[in-house]
Amino acid sequence: MKKLVPDPPLISPEKKAIRTAAEHLENAIFAAAALLALHNQHHEGMLNDALVEMRMSRALLTVALTAPPESPPM
């Protein structure tokens, strides 16, 4: 039987890593912006969360940048 709906295009691991890094970085930016407005010792947990998000983004972007390029279709 013929499929009526085509399969979605495959997302390369590099693009997925970059997309995930962008999401984490966006979360870190919002957390840092909140800290700027409310900076005190009670928000140390928020600062730690923001730092974790930024470190995850940096690691994911490193993976995306060091991955070998996709080979052209034959």
Protein backbone atom coordinates (compact mmCIF):
# COMPACT_ATOMS: atom_id res chain seq x y z
CA MET A 1 0.00 0.00 0.00
CA LYS A 2 1.32 3.43 -0.92
CA LYS A 3 2.05 5.89 1.88
CA LEU A 4 -0.04 9.04 1.75
CA VAL A 5 2.19 11.03 4.08
CA PRO A 6 5.93 11.16 3.39
CA ASP A 7 8.45 10.54 6.15
CA PRO A 8 9.81 13.71 7.73
CA PRO A 9 13.32 14.62 6.64
CA LEU A 10 16.10 13.25 8.82
CA ILE A 11 17.87 15.76 11.01
CA SER A 12 21.63 15.36 11.14
CA PRO A 13 23.18 14.94 14.60
CA GLU A 14 25.08 18.19 14.08
CA LYS A 15 21.92 20.17 13.41
CA LYS A 16 20.18 18.52 16.36
CA ALA A 17 23.12 19.43 18.62
CA ILE A 18 23.05 23.03 17.41
CA ARG A 19 19.28 23.26 17.90
CA THR A 20 19.56 21.82 21.42
CA ALA A 21 22.43 24.18 22.22
CA ALA A 22 20.36 27.14 21.06
CA GLU A 23 17.48 26.06 23.32
CA HIS A 24 19.79 25.74 26.33
CA LEU A 25 21.41 29.06 25.56
CA GLU A 26 18.00 30.75 25.35
CA ASN A 27 17.14 29.33 28.79
CA ALA A 28 20.43 30.65 30.17
CA ILE A 29 19.80 34.10 28.74
CA PHE A 30 16.37 34.31 30.37
CA ALA A 31 17.78 33.07 33.69
CA ALA A 32 20.61 35.60 33.58
CA ALA A 33 18.19 38.42 32.75
CA ALA A 34 16.06 37.48 35.75
CA LEU A 35 19.15 37.50 37.96
CA LEU A 36 20.10 40.98 36.85
CA ALA A 37 16.75 42.26 38.07
CA LEU A 38 16.70 40.28 41.35
CA HIS A 39 20.36 39.86 42.31
CA ASN A 40 20.82 38.71 45.91
CA GLN A 41 21.98 35.63 47.83
CA HIS A 42 18.54 34.01 47.68
CA HIS A 43 18.95 33.59 43.92
CA GLU A 44 22.18 31.61 44.04
CA GLY A 45 20.32 28.51 42.79
CA MET A 46 19.10 30.42 39.75
CA LEU A 47 22.66 31.53 39.02
CA ASN A 48 23.92 27.96 39.27
CA ASP A 49 21.16 26.78 36.91
CA ALA A 50 22.11 29.48 34.41
CA LEU A 51 25.76 28.46 34.57
CA VAL A 52 24.86 24.80 33.97
CA GLU A 53 22.73 25.76 30.95
CA MET A 54 25.58 27.85 29.51
CA ARG A 55 28.11 25.04 30.02
CA MET A 56 25.78 22.57 28.31
CA SER A 57 25.41 24.98 25.40
CA ARG A 58 29.15 25.38 25.07
CA ALA A 59 29.66 21.59 25.07
CA LEU A 60 26.93 20.98 22.49
CA LEU A 61 28.26 23.71 20.22
CA THR A 62 31.74 22.18 20.49
CA VAL A 63 30.30 18.85 19.33
CA ALA A 64 28.51 20.55 16.44
CA LEU A 65 31.64 22.37 15.34
CA THR A 66 33.97 19.36 15.52
CA ALA A 67 31.66 16.88 13.79
CA PRO A 68 32.77 15.86 10.29
CA PRO A 69 30.81 17.47 7.46
CA GLU A 70 28.09 15.53 5.74
CA SER A 71 29.13 13.76 2.58
CA PRO A 72 27.33 14.84 -0.61
CA PRO A 73 24.70 12.44 -2.00
CA MET A 74 25.84 10.20 -4.82
